[in-house]
Each structure stands twice: as C-alpha cells, then as structure tokens.
Amino acid sequence: LVMREQLYVEIARLSGTSGFSIMFKEMLPNLAPYIGASLVGSVASAILASVGLEALGLGPFDSPTLGMTIYWNIQFSSILHGMWWWFGPPILVLAMIFVGLFLITAGLDEWSNPRLRKRV
C-alpha cells in the first residue's frame, strides 16, 4: 500500500502506463527481497511443522526422514540407553538447516533494508 503511493509509481501512472505494467516493472523489483525473505521464513516453518508432526509419529512410516528418526529414537529410548549418536545427528542437522535459513533471511533483510546496511 505504501509502495503504491511512491513518486515513481505516480510518474508511471501519469505517463499512461497500464496497471499491470506498473506492478511488474516498477513495484515487483522493489518487493523481490521482501518476497524472498518471506519465502525463506515459510520454508523454515514448513520444515518445522513437518519434522514436528513426524516426531510425534504422524508421518509416513515407510520413508526415512529426520522427524521419523527422532520418533524412533524416542520410541526406543535411545537417550536413556546411552545411545546419543542415534539422537544427536538428526537434531544437529535440523539445527544447521534452521541456522542456515535464518542467515539467509538476515542477509536478505540487510540487503533490502538500507538502515540495516553496515557503513564502510
């Protein structure tokens, strides 16, 4: 809504450019970093939801996933039996995935927001 009232959009509108052309040529390139950051956040949420449901036993039993690995570790009490090496790597991989997605989102935010950019 704020972008629609920018000066360059008004100039394009006054020059007779169609609404779709203004949207795709003027507004969409400025929205791309925000859309990318939102997409990365949505991917992280989808991964978390999928792994969470699988860790509760609500996933497919025939495919080996991180969530099902955690589920079977919980079922067989691998932590209580001292077998941390069955439980640790899936948690570590998930942590690395989420840290990587967070760093991508932070980089996109810093790239798109001039107030967050570091001055050299």
PDB file of N, CA and C in Angstrom:
ATOM      1  N   LEU A   1       0.829  -1.192   0.000  1.00  0.00           N
ATOM      2  CA  LEU A   1       0.000   0.000   0.000  1.00  0.00           C
ATOM      3  C   LEU A   1       0.865   1.244   0.000  1.00  0.00           C
ATOM      4  N   VAL A   2       1.951   1.241   0.752  1.00  0.00           N
ATOM      5  CA  VAL A   2       2.837   2.400   0.786  1.00  0.00           C
ATOM      6  C   VAL A   2       3.569   2.534  -0.539  1.00  0.00           C
ATOM      7  N   MET A   3       3.930   1.411  -1.144  1.00  0.00           N
ATOM      8  CA  MET A   3       4.664   1.459  -2.401  1.00  0.00           C
ATOM      9  C   MET A   3       3.801   2.008  -3.525  1.00  0.00           C
ATOM     10  N   ARG A   4       2.505   1.807  -3.435  1.00  0.00           N
ATOM     11  CA  ARG A   4       1.604   2.307  -4.463  1.00  0.00           C
ATOM     12  C   ARG A   4       1.578   3.826  -4.506  1.00  0.00           C
ATOM     13  N   GLU A   5       1.924   4.456  -3.394  1.00  0.00           N
ATOM     14  CA  GLU A   5       1.898   5.914  -3.316  1.00  0.00           C
ATOM     15  C   GLU A   5       3.272   6.546  -3.513  1.00  0.00           C
ATOM     16  N   GLN A   6       4.267   5.764  -3.939  1.00  0.00           N
ATOM     17  CA  GLN A   6       5.600   6.306  -4.190  1.00  0.00           C
ATOM     18  C   GLN A   6       5.586   7.193  -5.429  1.00  0.00           C
ATOM     19  N   LEU A   7       6.577   8.065  -5.509  1.00  0.00           N
ATOM     20  CA  LEU A   7       6.643   9.042  -6.592  1.00  0.00           C
ATOM     21  C   LEU A   7       6.837   8.372  -7.946  1.00  0.00           C
ATOM     22  N   TYR A   8       7.674   7.348  -8.029  1.00  0.00           N
ATOM     23  CA  TYR A   8       7.918   6.709  -9.322  1.00  0.00           C
ATOM     24  C   TYR A   8       6.683   5.984  -9.835  1.00  0.00           C
ATOM     25  N   VAL A   9       5.831   5.508  -8.939  1.00  0.00           N
ATOM     26  CA  VAL A   9       4.583   4.874  -9.371  1.00  0.00           C
ATOM     27  C   VAL A   9       3.617   5.935  -9.888  1.00  0.00           C
ATOM     28  N   GLU A  10       3.573   7.071  -9.217  1.00  0.00           N
ATOM     29  CA  GLU A  10       2.722   8.182  -9.687  1.00  0.00           C
ATOM     30  C   GLU A  10       3.167   8.664 -11.060  1.00  0.00           C
ATOM     31  N   ILE A  11       4.482   8.772 -11.260  1.00  0.00           N
ATOM     32  CA  ILE A  11       5.001   9.217 -12.557  1.00  0.00           C
ATOM     33  C   ILE A  11       4.638   8.211 -13.643  1.00  0.00           C
ATOM     34  N   ALA A  12       4.761   6.932 -13.352  1.00  0.00           N
ATOM     35  CA  ALA A  12       4.395   5.902 -14.330  1.00  0.00           C
ATOM     36  C   ALA A  12       2.903   5.933 -14.613  1.00  0.00           C
ATOM     37  N   ARG A  13       2.094   6.165 -13.588  1.00  0.00           N
ATOM     38  CA  ARG A  13       0.643   6.237 -13.778  1.00  0.00           C
ATOM     39  C   ARG A  13       0.269   7.453 -14.621  1.00  0.00           C
ATOM     40  N   LEU A  14       0.915   8.601 -14.362  1.00  0.00           N
ATOM     41  CA  LEU A  14       0.621   9.818 -15.119  1.00  0.00           C
ATOM     42  C   LEU A  14       1.111   9.733 -16.557  1.00  0.00           C
ATOM     43  N   SER A  15       2.119   8.911 -16.815  1.00  0.00           N
ATOM     44  CA  SER A  15       2.618   8.780 -18.189  1.00  0.00           C
ATOM     45  C   SER A  15       1.760   7.831 -19.017  1.00  0.00           C
ATOM     46  N   GLY A  16       0.750   7.227 -18.410  1.00  0.00           N
ATOM     47  CA  GLY A  16      -0.193   6.394 -19.146  1.00  0.00           C
ATOM     48  C   GLY A  16       0.143   4.917 -19.153  1.00  0.00           C
ATOM     49  N   THR A  17       1.010   4.493 -18.292  1.00  0.00           N
ATOM     50  CA  THR A  17       1.380   3.080 -18.217  1.00  0.00           C
ATOM     51  C   THR A  17       0.240   2.291 -17.574  1.00  0.00           C
ATOM     52  N   SER A  18       0.012   1.082 -18.080  1.00  0.00           N
ATOM     53  CA  SER A  18      -1.085   0.269 -17.547  1.00  0.00           C
ATOM     54  C   SER A  18      -0.757  -0.213 -16.136  1.00  0.00           C
ATOM     55  N   GLY A  19      -1.790  -0.637 -15.428  1.00  0.00           N
ATOM     56  CA  GLY A  19      -1.627  -1.080 -14.046  1.00  0.00           C
ATOM     57  C   GLY A  19      -0.733  -2.304 -13.912  1.00  0.00           C
ATOM     58  N   PHE A  20      -0.894  -3.292 -14.824  1.00  0.00           N
ATOM     59  CA  PHE A  20      -0.053  -4.487 -14.767  1.00  0.00           C
ATOM     60  C   PHE A  20       1.401  -4.155 -15.063  1.00  0.00           C
ATOM     61  N   SER A  21       1.620  -3.249 -16.001  1.00  0.00           N
ATOM     62  CA  SER A  21       2.993  -2.854 -16.322  1.00  0.00           C
ATOM     63  C   SER A  21       3.648  -2.143 -15.144  1.00  0.00           C
ATOM     64  N   ILE A  22       2.902  -1.298 -14.470  1.00  0.00           N
ATOM     65  CA  ILE A  22       3.435  -0.626 -13.277  1.00  0.00           C
ATOM     66  C   ILE A  22       3.754  -1.653 -12.204  1.00  0.00           C
ATOM     67  N   MET A  23       2.864  -2.623 -12.041  1.00  0.00           N
ATOM     68  CA  MET A  23       3.059  -3.619 -10.997  1.00  0.00           C
ATOM     69  C   MET A  23       4.297  -4.476 -11.272  1.00  0.00           C
ATOM     70  N   PHE A  24       4.474  -4.928 -12.525  1.00  0.00           N
ATOM     71  CA  PHE A  24       5.572  -5.844 -12.822  1.00  0.00           C
ATOM     72  C   PHE A  24       6.895  -5.150 -13.092  1.00  0.00           C
ATOM     73  N   LYS A  25       6.861  -3.928 -13.631  1.00  0.00           N
ATOM     74  CA  LYS A  25       8.115  -3.250 -13.972  1.00  0.00           C
ATOM     75  C   LYS A  25       8.592  -2.290 -12.897  1.00  0.00           C
ATOM     76  N   GLU A  26       7.703  -1.747 -12.116  1.00  0.00           N
ATOM     77  CA  GLU A  26       8.089  -0.739 -11.126  1.00  0.00           C
ATOM     78  C   GLU A  26       8.057  -1.272  -9.691  1.00  0.00           C
ATOM     79  N   MET A  27       6.998  -1.996  -9.347  1.00  0.00           N
ATOM     80  CA  MET A  27       6.813  -2.389  -7.953  1.00  0.00           C
ATOM     81  C   MET A  27       7.445  -3.741  -7.619  1.00  0.00           C
ATOM     82  N   LEU A  28       7.328  -4.723  -8.504  1.00  0.00           N
ATOM     83  CA  LEU A  28       7.818  -6.067  -8.204  1.00  0.00           C
ATOM     84  C   LEU A  28       9.325  -6.127  -7.965  1.00  0.00           C
ATOM     85  N   PRO A  29      10.171  -5.431  -8.744  1.00  0.00           N
ATOM     86  CA  PRO A  29      11.608  -5.466  -8.421  1.00  0.00           C
ATOM     87  C   PRO A  29      11.933  -4.906  -7.035  1.00  0.00           C
ATOM     88  N   ASN A  30      11.155  -3.966  -6.554  1.00  0.00           N
ATOM     89  CA  ASN A  30      11.386  -3.421  -5.217  1.00  0.00           C
ATOM     90  C   ASN A  30      10.851  -4.332  -4.114  1.00  0.00           C
ATOM     91  N   LEU A  31       9.911  -5.189  -4.457  1.00  0.00           N
ATOM     92  CA  LEU A  31       9.342  -6.115  -3.473  1.00  0.00           C
ATOM     93  C   LEU A  31      10.057  -7.460  -3.430  1.00  0.00           C
ATOM     94  N   ALA A  32      10.910  -7.740  -4.398  1.00  0.00           N
ATOM     95  CA  ALA A  32      11.553  -9.055  -4.501  1.00  0.00           C
ATOM     96  C   ALA A  32      12.320  -9.462  -3.244  1.00  0.00           C
ATOM     97  N   PRO A  33      13.116  -8.593  -2.614  1.00  0.00           N
ATOM     98  CA  PRO A  33      13.812  -9.035  -1.392  1.00  0.00           C
ATOM     99  C   PRO A  33      12.858  -9.390  -0.253  1.00  0.00           C
ATOM    100  N   TYR A  34      11.772  -8.658  -0.126  1.00  0.00           N
ATOM    101  CA  TYR A  34      10.801  -8.952   0.929  1.00  0.00           C
ATOM    102  C   TYR A  34      10.065 -10.262   0.647  1.00  0.00           C
ATOM    103  N   ILE A  35       9.754 -10.492  -0.628  1.00  0.00           N
ATOM    104  CA  ILE A  35       9.107 -11.744  -1.003  1.00  0.00           C
ATOM    105  C   ILE A  35      10.054 -12.915  -0.757  1.00  0.00           C
ATOM    106  N   GLY A  36      11.333 -12.727  -1.077  1.00  0.00           N
ATOM    107  CA  GLY A  36      12.326 -13.777  -0.833  1.00  0.00           C
ATOM    108  C   GLY A  36      12.480 -14.094   0.638  1.00  0.00           C
ATOM    109  N   ALA A  37      12.546 -13.060   1.477  1.00  0.00           N
ATOM    110  CA  ALA A  37      12.676 -13.285   2.921  1.00  0.00           C
ATOM    111  C   ALA A  37      11.432 -13.975   3.474  1.00  0.00           C
ATOM    112  N   SER A  38      10.278 -13.595   2.972  1.00  0.00           N
ATOM    113  CA  SER A  38       9.041 -14.240   3.410  1.00  0.00           C
ATOM    114  C   SER A  38       8.992 -15.701   2.959  1.00  0.00           C
ATOM    115  N   LEU A  39       9.488 -15.968   1.757  1.00  0.00           N
ATOM    116  CA  LEU A  39       9.521 -17.338   1.258  1.00  0.00           C
ATOM    117  C   LEU A  39      10.449 -18.209   2.097  1.00  0.00           C
ATOM    118  N   VAL A  40      11.613 -17.683   2.454  1.00  0.00           N
ATOM    119  CA  VAL A  40      12.553 -18.452   3.275  1.00  0.00           C
ATOM    120  C   VAL A  40      11.945 -18.728   4.648  1.00  0.00           C
ATOM    121  N   GLY A  41      11.251 -17.743   5.221  1.00  0.00           N
ATOM    122  CA  GLY A  41      10.577 -17.956   6.502  1.00  0.00           C
ATOM    123  C   GLY A  41       9.479 -18.997   6.410  1.00  0.00           C
ATOM    124  N   SER A  42       8.765 -19.005   5.298  1.00  0.00           N
ATOM    125  CA  SER A  42       7.716 -20.006   5.104  1.00  0.00           C
ATOM    126  C   SER A  42       8.299 -21.405   4.946  1.00  0.00           C
ATOM    127  N   VAL A  43       9.431 -21.506   4.261  1.00  0.00           N
ATOM    128  CA  VAL A  43      10.087 -22.809   4.107  1.00  0.00           C
ATOM    129  C   VAL A  43      10.534 -23.331   5.469  1.00  0.00           C
ATOM    130  N   ALA A  44      11.098 -22.453   6.290  1.00  0.00           N
ATOM    131  CA  ALA A  44      11.524 -22.868   7.631  1.00  0.00           C
ATOM    132  C   ALA A  44      10.332 -23.325   8.463  1.00  0.00           C
ATOM    133  N   SER A  45       9.220 -22.624   8.362  1.00  0.00           N
ATOM    134  CA  SER A  45       8.017 -23.023   9.100  1.00  0.00           C
ATOM    135  C   SER A  45       7.482 -24.362   8.611  1.00  0.00           C
ATOM    136  N   ALA A  46       7.524 -24.588   7.302  1.00  0.00           N
ATOM    137  CA  ALA A  46       7.050 -25.861   6.759  1.00  0.00           C
ATOM    138  C   ALA A  46       7.937 -27.019   7.206  1.00  0.00           C
ATOM    139  N   ILE A  47       9.250 -26.796   7.222  1.00  0.00           N
ATOM    140  CA  ILE A  47      10.165 -27.848   7.687  1.00  0.00           C
ATOM    141  C   ILE A  47       9.910 -28.155   9.157  1.00  0.00           C
ATOM    142  N   LEU A  48       9.748 -27.117   9.959  1.00  0.00           N
ATOM    143  CA  LEU A  48       9.494 -27.314  11.387  1.00  0.00           C
ATOM    144  C   LEU A  48       8.182 -28.060  11.619  1.00  0.00           C
ATOM    145  N   ALA A  49       7.139 -27.706  10.882  1.00  0.00           N
ATOM    146  CA  ALA A  49       5.851 -28.390  11.035  1.00  0.00           C
ATOM    147  C   ALA A  49       5.958 -29.854  10.610  1.00  0.00           C
ATOM    148  N   SER A  50       6.636 -30.102   9.507  1.00  0.00           N
ATOM    149  CA  SER A  50       6.781 -31.475   9.023  1.00  0.00           C
ATOM    150  C   SER A  50       7.569 -32.336  10.004  1.00  0.00           C
ATOM    151  N   VAL A  51       8.698 -31.829  10.465  1.00  0.00           N
ATOM    152  CA  VAL A  51       9.521 -32.599  11.404  1.00  0.00           C
ATOM    153  C   VAL A  51       8.792 -32.779  12.734  1.00  0.00           C
ATOM    154  N   GLY A  52       8.079 -31.761  13.173  1.00  0.00           N
ATOM    155  CA  GLY A  52       7.334 -31.871  14.423  1.00  0.00           C
ATOM    156  C   GLY A  52       6.256 -32.933  14.361  1.00  0.00           C
ATOM    157  N   LEU A  53       5.505 -32.958  13.260  1.00  0.00           N
ATOM    158  CA  LEU A  53       4.467 -33.984  13.115  1.00  0.00           C
ATOM    159  C   LEU A  53       5.069 -35.380  12.990  1.00  0.00           C
ATOM    160  N   GLU A  54       6.181 -35.473  12.259  1.00  0.00           N
ATOM    161  CA  GLU A  54       6.819 -36.781  12.127  1.00  0.00           C
ATOM    162  C   GLU A  54       7.395 -37.252  13.456  1.00  0.00           C
ATOM    163  N   ALA A  55       7.934 -36.338  14.258  1.00  0.00           N
ATOM    164  CA  ALA A  55       8.487 -36.722  15.561  1.00  0.00           C
ATOM    165  C   ALA A  55       7.387 -37.184  16.511  1.00  0.00           C
ATOM    166  N   LEU A  56       6.166 -36.740  16.283  1.00  0.00           N
ATOM    167  CA  LEU A  56       5.033 -37.207  17.082  1.00  0.00           C
ATOM    168  C   LEU A  56       4.460 -38.526  16.565  1.00  0.00           C
ATOM    169  N   GLY A  57       4.984 -39.015  15.445  1.00  0.00           N
ATOM    170  CA  GLY A  57       4.504 -40.273  14.883  1.00  0.00           C
ATOM    171  C   GLY A  57       3.410 -40.104  13.864  1.00  0.00           C
ATOM    172  N   LEU A  58       3.209 -38.902  13.367  1.00  0.00           N
ATOM    173  CA  LEU A  58       2.145 -38.648  12.406  1.00  0.00           C
ATOM    174  C   LEU A  58       2.663 -38.529  10.978  1.00  0.00           C
ATOM    175  N   GLY A  59       3.815 -39.097  10.708  1.00  0.00           N
ATOM    176  CA  GLY A  59       4.405 -39.026   9.380  1.00  0.00           C
ATOM    177  C   GLY A  59       4.381 -40.374   8.694  1.00  0.00           C
ATOM    178  N   PRO A  60       4.928 -40.427   7.492  1.00  0.00           N
ATOM    179  CA  PRO A  60       4.976 -41.706   6.768  1.00  0.00           C
ATOM    180  C   PRO A  60       6.001 -42.648   7.390  1.00  0.00           C
ATOM    181  N   PHE A  61       5.585 -43.864   7.678  1.00  0.00           N
ATOM    182  CA  PHE A  61       6.474 -44.829   8.325  1.00  0.00           C
ATOM    183  C   PHE A  61       7.428 -45.494   7.336  1.00  0.00           C
ATOM    184  N   ASP A  62       7.155 -45.370   6.047  1.00  0.00           N
ATOM    185  CA  ASP A  62       7.973 -46.086   5.071  1.00  0.00           C
ATOM    186  C   ASP A  62       9.120 -45.258   4.506  1.00  0.00           C
ATOM    187  N   SER A  63       9.215 -43.979   4.854  1.00  0.00           N
ATOM    188  CA  SER A  63      10.309 -43.164   4.325  1.00  0.00           C
ATOM    189  C   SER A  63      11.181 -42.656   5.471  1.00  0.00           C
ATOM    190  N   PRO A  64      12.489 -42.783   5.324  1.00  0.00           N
ATOM    191  CA  PRO A  64      13.391 -42.326   6.389  1.00  0.00           C
ATOM    192  C   PRO A  64      13.579 -40.811   6.340  1.00  0.00           C
ATOM    193  N   THR A  65      13.031 -40.112   7.300  1.00  0.00           N
ATOM    194  CA  THR A  65      13.182 -38.663   7.395  1.00  0.00           C
ATOM    195  C   THR A  65      13.770 -38.321   8.759  1.00  0.00           C
ATOM    196  N   LEU A  66      14.151 -37.076   8.917  1.00  0.00           N
ATOM    197  CA  LEU A  66      14.708 -36.652  10.202  1.00  0.00           C
ATOM    198  C   LEU A  66      13.671 -36.773  11.316  1.00  0.00           C
ATOM    199  N   GLY A  67      12.437 -36.407  11.017  1.00  0.00           N
ATOM    200  CA  GLY A  67      11.390 -36.493  12.029  1.00  0.00           C
ATOM    201  C   GLY A  67      11.100 -37.923  12.450  1.00  0.00           C
ATOM    202  N   MET A  68      11.086 -38.837  11.478  1.00  0.00           N
ATOM    203  CA  MET A  68      10.847 -40.238  11.824  1.00  0.00           C
ATOM    204  C   MET A  68      12.032 -40.832  12.574  1.00  0.00           C
ATOM    205  N   THR A  69      13.244 -40.370  12.264  1.00  0.00           N
ATOM    206  CA  THR A  69      14.411 -40.819  13.026  1.00  0.00           C
ATOM    207  C   THR A  69      14.285 -40.394  14.478  1.00  0.00           C
ATOM    208  N   ILE A  70      13.855 -39.170  14.694  1.00  0.00           N
ATOM    209  CA  ILE A  70      13.648 -38.690  16.066  1.00  0.00           C
ATOM    210  C   ILE A  70      12.525 -39.483  16.738  1.00  0.00           C
ATOM    211  N   TYR A  71      11.458 -39.770  15.994  1.00  0.00           N
ATOM    212  CA  TYR A  71      10.343 -40.550  16.545  1.00  0.00           C
ATOM    213  C   TYR A  71      10.807 -41.929  17.002  1.00  0.00           C
ATOM    214  N   TRP A  72      11.580 -42.632  16.166  1.00  0.00           N
ATOM    215  CA  TRP A  72      12.029 -43.975  16.545  1.00  0.00           C
ATOM    216  C   TRP A  72      13.019 -43.923  17.694  1.00  0.00           C
ATOM    217  N   ASN A  73      13.807 -42.862  17.768  1.00  0.00           N
ATOM    218  CA  ASN A  73      14.708 -42.703  18.914  1.00  0.00           C
ATOM    219  C   ASN A  73      13.932 -42.492  20.206  1.00  0.00           C
ATOM    220  N   ILE A  74      12.845 -41.767  20.120  1.00  0.00           N
ATOM    221  CA  ILE A  74      12.002 -41.573  21.305  1.00  0.00           C
ATOM    222  C   ILE A  74      11.325 -42.893  21.685  1.00  0.00           C
ATOM    223  N   GLN A  75      10.844 -43.642  20.685  1.00  0.00           N
ATOM    224  CA  GLN A  75      10.166 -44.907  20.951  1.00  0.00           C
ATOM    225  C   GLN A  75      11.087 -45.946  21.587  1.00  0.00           C
ATOM    226  N   PHE A  76      12.335 -45.989  21.138  1.00  0.00           N
ATOM    227  CA  PHE A  76      13.278 -46.988  21.657  1.00  0.00           C
ATOM    228  C   PHE A  76      14.132 -46.459  22.800  1.00  0.00           C
ATOM    229  N   SER A  77      13.852 -45.261  23.273  1.00  0.00           N
ATOM    230  CA  SER A  77      14.557 -44.654  24.411  1.00  0.00           C
ATOM    231  C   SER A  77      16.074 -44.687  24.241  1.00  0.00           C
ATOM    232  N   SER A  78      16.527 -44.205  23.114  1.00  0.00           N
ATOM    233  CA  SER A  78      17.965 -44.278  22.838  1.00  0.00           C
ATOM    234  C   SER A  78      18.768 -43.372  23.768  1.00  0.00           C
ATOM    235  N   ILE A  79      18.190 -42.278  24.227  1.00  0.00           N
ATOM    236  CA  ILE A  79      18.897 -41.401  25.168  1.00  0.00           C
ATOM    237  C   ILE A  79      19.063 -42.103  26.513  1.00  0.00           C
ATOM    238  N   LEU A  80      18.026 -42.783  26.973  1.00  0.00           N
ATOM    239  CA  LEU A  80      18.102 -43.466  28.265  1.00  0.00           C
ATOM    240  C   LEU A  80      19.074 -44.647  28.241  1.00  0.00           C
ATOM    241  N   HIS A  81      19.259 -45.239  27.065  1.00  0.00           N
ATOM    242  CA  HIS A  81      20.195 -46.355  26.944  1.00  0.00           C
ATOM    243  C   HIS A  81      21.608 -45.888  26.638  1.00  0.00           C
ATOM    244  N   GLY A  82      21.810 -44.582  26.599  1.00  0.00           N
ATOM    245  CA  GLY A  82      23.141 -44.037  26.364  1.00  0.00           C
ATOM    246  C   GLY A  82      23.563 -43.999  24.908  1.00  0.00           C
ATOM    247  N   MET A  83      22.616 -44.155  23.985  1.00  0.00           N
ATOM    248  CA  MET A  83      22.954 -44.131  22.561  1.00  0.00           C
ATOM    249  C   MET A  83      22.658 -42.747  21.981  1.00  0.00           C
ATOM    250  N   TRP A  84      23.435 -41.783  22.399  1.00  0.00           N
ATOM    251  CA  TRP A  84      23.217 -40.406  21.963  1.00  0.00           C
ATOM    252  C   TRP A  84      23.512 -40.234  20.480  1.00  0.00           C
ATOM    253  N   TRP A  85      24.347 -41.082  19.895  1.00  0.00           N
ATOM    254  CA  TRP A  85      24.731 -40.932  18.499  1.00  0.00           C
ATOM    255  C   TRP A  85      23.585 -41.222  17.543  1.00  0.00           C
ATOM    256  N   TRP A  86      22.512 -41.859  18.042  1.00  0.00           N
ATOM    257  CA  TRP A  86      21.323 -42.029  17.213  1.00  0.00           C
ATOM    258  C   TRP A  86      20.430 -40.797  17.272  1.00  0.00           C
ATOM    259  N   PHE A  87      20.481 -40.093  18.383  1.00  0.00           N
ATOM    260  CA  PHE A  87      19.598 -38.948  18.590  1.00  0.00           C
ATOM    261  C   PHE A  87      20.264 -37.631  18.180  1.00  0.00           C
ATOM    262  N   GLY A  88      21.566 -37.518  18.368  1.00  0.00           N
ATOM    263  CA  GLY A  88      22.280 -36.262  18.146  1.00  0.00           C
ATOM    264  C   GLY A  88      22.354 -35.787  16.705  1.00  0.00           C
ATOM    265  N   PRO A  89      22.753 -36.630  15.754  1.00  0.00           N
ATOM    266  CA  PRO A  89      22.897 -36.144  14.379  1.00  0.00           C
ATOM    267  C   PRO A  89      21.626 -35.580  13.744  1.00  0.00           C
ATOM    268  N   PRO A  90      20.433 -36.183  13.915  1.00  0.00           N
ATOM    269  CA  PRO A  90      19.244 -35.539  13.332  1.00  0.00           C
ATOM    270  C   PRO A  90      18.964 -34.161  13.932  1.00  0.00           C
ATOM    271  N   ILE A  91      19.187 -34.026  15.243  1.00  0.00           N
ATOM    272  CA  ILE A  91      18.980 -32.727  15.886  1.00  0.00           C
ATOM    273  C   ILE A  91      20.004 -31.724  15.370  1.00  0.00           C
ATOM    274  N   LEU A  92      21.245 -32.161  15.201  1.00  0.00           N
ATOM    275  CA  LEU A  92      22.305 -31.287  14.699  1.00  0.00           C
ATOM    276  C   LEU A  92      22.033 -30.851  13.258  1.00  0.00           C
ATOM    277  N   VAL A  93      21.574 -31.771  12.425  1.00  0.00           N
ATOM    278  CA  VAL A  93      21.247 -31.429  11.038  1.00  0.00           C
ATOM    279  C   VAL A  93      20.099 -30.428  10.994  1.00  0.00           C
ATOM    280  N   LEU A  94      19.076 -30.640  11.811  1.00  0.00           N
ATOM    281  CA  LEU A  94      17.960 -29.687  11.857  1.00  0.00           C
ATOM    282  C   LEU A  94      18.423 -28.318  12.331  1.00  0.00           C
ATOM    283  N   ALA A  95      19.282 -28.285  13.325  1.00  0.00           N
ATOM    284  CA  ALA A  95      19.805 -27.005  13.807  1.00  0.00           C
ATOM    285  C   ALA A  95      20.592 -26.302  12.710  1.00  0.00           C
ATOM    286  N   MET A  96      21.388 -27.053  11.946  1.00  0.00           N
ATOM    287  CA  MET A  96      22.152 -26.438  10.860  1.00  0.00           C
ATOM    288  C   MET A  96      21.236 -25.919   9.757  1.00  0.00           C
ATOM    289  N   ILE A  97      20.172 -26.640   9.459  1.00  0.00           N
ATOM    290  CA  ILE A  97      19.212 -26.178   8.452  1.00  0.00           C
ATOM    291  C   ILE A  97      18.573 -24.871   8.894  1.00  0.00           C
ATOM    292  N   PHE A  98      18.123 -24.806  10.153  1.00  0.00           N
ATOM    293  CA  PHE A  98      17.444 -23.604  10.620  1.00  0.00           C
ATOM    294  C   PHE A  98      18.394 -22.425  10.771  1.00  0.00           C
ATOM    295  N   VAL A  99      19.619 -22.670  11.188  1.00  0.00           N
ATOM    296  CA  VAL A  99      20.595 -21.575  11.270  1.00  0.00           C
ATOM    297  C   VAL A  99      20.906 -21.052   9.870  1.00  0.00           C
ATOM    298  N   GLY A 100      21.044 -21.952   8.901  1.00  0.00           N
ATOM    299  CA  GLY A 100      21.286 -21.528   7.525  1.00  0.00           C
ATOM    300  C   GLY A 100      20.140 -20.713   6.960  1.00  0.00           C
ATOM    301  N   LEU A 101      18.911 -21.153   7.194  1.00  0.00           N
ATOM    302  CA  LEU A 101      17.755 -20.389   6.714  1.00  0.00           C
ATOM    303  C   LEU A 101      17.644 -19.045   7.418  1.00  0.00           C
ATOM    304  N   PHE A 102      17.973 -19.002   8.715  1.00  0.00           N
ATOM    305  CA  PHE A 102      17.959 -17.732   9.428  1.00  0.00           C
ATOM    306  C   PHE A 102      18.998 -16.778   8.858  1.00  0.00           C
ATOM    307  N   LEU A 103      20.188 -17.287   8.546  1.00  0.00           N
ATOM    308  CA  LEU A 103      21.231 -16.427   7.987  1.00  0.00           C
ATOM    309  C   LEU A 103      20.849 -15.917   6.601  1.00  0.00           C
ATOM    310  N   ILE A 104      20.176 -16.736   5.810  1.00  0.00           N
ATOM    311  CA  ILE A 104      19.689 -16.279   4.507  1.00  0.00           C
ATOM    312  C   ILE A 104      18.671 -15.166   4.690  1.00  0.00           C
ATOM    313  N   THR A 105      17.735 -15.338   5.618  1.00  0.00           N
ATOM    314  CA  THR A 105      16.731 -14.307   5.876  1.00  0.00           C
ATOM    315  C   THR A 105      17.371 -13.028   6.388  1.00  0.00           C
ATOM    316  N   ALA A 106      18.334 -13.144   7.291  1.00  0.00           N
ATOM    317  CA  ALA A 106      19.012 -11.956   7.815  1.00  0.00           C
ATOM    318  C   ALA A 106      19.784 -11.244   6.713  1.00  0.00           C
ATOM    319  N   GLY A 107      20.418 -11.997   5.830  1.00  0.00           N
ATOM    320  CA  GLY A 107      21.136 -11.387   4.715  1.00  0.00           C
ATOM    321  C   GLY A 107      20.204 -10.678   3.753  1.00  0.00           C
ATOM    322  N   LEU A 108      19.058 -11.285   3.456  1.00  0.00           N
ATOM    323  CA  LEU A 108      18.083 -10.630   2.584  1.00  0.00           C
ATOM    324  C   LEU A 108      17.526  -9.369   3.229  1.00  0.00           C
ATOM    325  N   ASP A 109      17.281  -9.417   4.530  1.00  0.00           N
ATOM    326  CA  ASP A 109      16.797  -8.223   5.224  1.00  0.00           C
ATOM    327  C   ASP A 109      17.836  -7.112   5.191  1.00  0.00           C
ATOM    328  N   GLU A 110      19.087  -7.465   5.424  1.00  0.00           N
ATOM    329  CA  GLU A 110      20.149  -6.456   5.417  1.00  0.00           C
ATOM    330  C   GLU A 110      20.352  -5.885   4.020  1.00  0.00           C
ATOM    331  N   TRP A 111      20.209  -6.726   3.003  1.00  0.00           N
ATOM    332  CA  TRP A 111      20.388  -6.272   1.631  1.00  0.00           C
ATOM    333  C   TRP A 111      19.241  -5.358   1.194  1.00  0.00           C
ATOM    334  N   SER A 112      18.031  -5.670   1.635  1.00  0.00           N
ATOM    335  CA  SER A 112      16.873  -4.906   1.182  1.00  0.00           C
ATOM    336  C   SER A 112      16.593  -3.671   2.021  1.00  0.00           C
ATOM    337  N   ASN A 113      17.040  -3.640   3.275  1.00  0.00           N
ATOM    338  CA  ASN A 113      16.760  -2.514   4.159  1.00  0.00           C
ATOM    339  C   ASN A 113      18.017  -1.661   4.295  1.00  0.00           C
ATOM    340  N   PRO A 114      18.004  -0.451   3.757  1.00  0.00           N
ATOM    341  CA  PRO A 114      19.215   0.375   3.817  1.00  0.00           C
ATOM    342  C   PRO A 114      19.602   0.777   5.235  1.00  0.00           C
ATOM    343  N   ARG A 115      18.672   0.779   6.167  1.00  0.00           N
ATOM    344  CA  ARG A 115      19.012   1.137   7.547  1.00  0.00           C
ATOM    345  C   ARG A 115      19.824   0.054   8.242  1.00  0.00           C
ATOM    346  N   LEU A 116      19.734  -1.181   7.758  1.00  0.00           N
ATOM    347  CA  LEU A 116      20.475  -2.284   8.363  1.00  0.00           C
ATOM    348  C   LEU A 116      21.861  -2.475   7.753  1.00  0.00           C
ATOM    349  N   ARG A 117      22.122  -1.814   6.629  1.00  0.00           N
ATOM    350  CA  ARG A 117      23.418  -1.983   5.970  1.00  0.00           C
ATOM    351  C   ARG A 117      24.518  -1.364   6.801  1.00  0.00           C
ATOM    352  N   LYS A 118      25.650  -2.043   6.813  1.00  0.00           N
ATOM    353  CA  LYS A 118      26.799  -1.533   7.552  1.00  0.00           C
ATOM    354  C   LYS A 118      27.520  -0.501   6.702  1.00  0.00           C
ATOM    355  N   ARG A 119      27.907   0.571   7.323  1.00  0.00           N
ATOM    356  CA  ARG A 119      28.662   1.597   6.599  1.00  0.00           C
ATOM    357  C   ARG A 119      30.139   1.252   6.645  1.00  0.00           C
ATOM    358  N   VAL A 120      30.770   1.393   5.512  1.00  0.00           N
ATOM    359  CA  VAL A 120      32.200   1.063   5.426  1.00  0.00           C
ATOM    360  C   VAL A 120      33.032   2.319   5.518  1.00  0.00           C
TER     361      VAL A 120
END
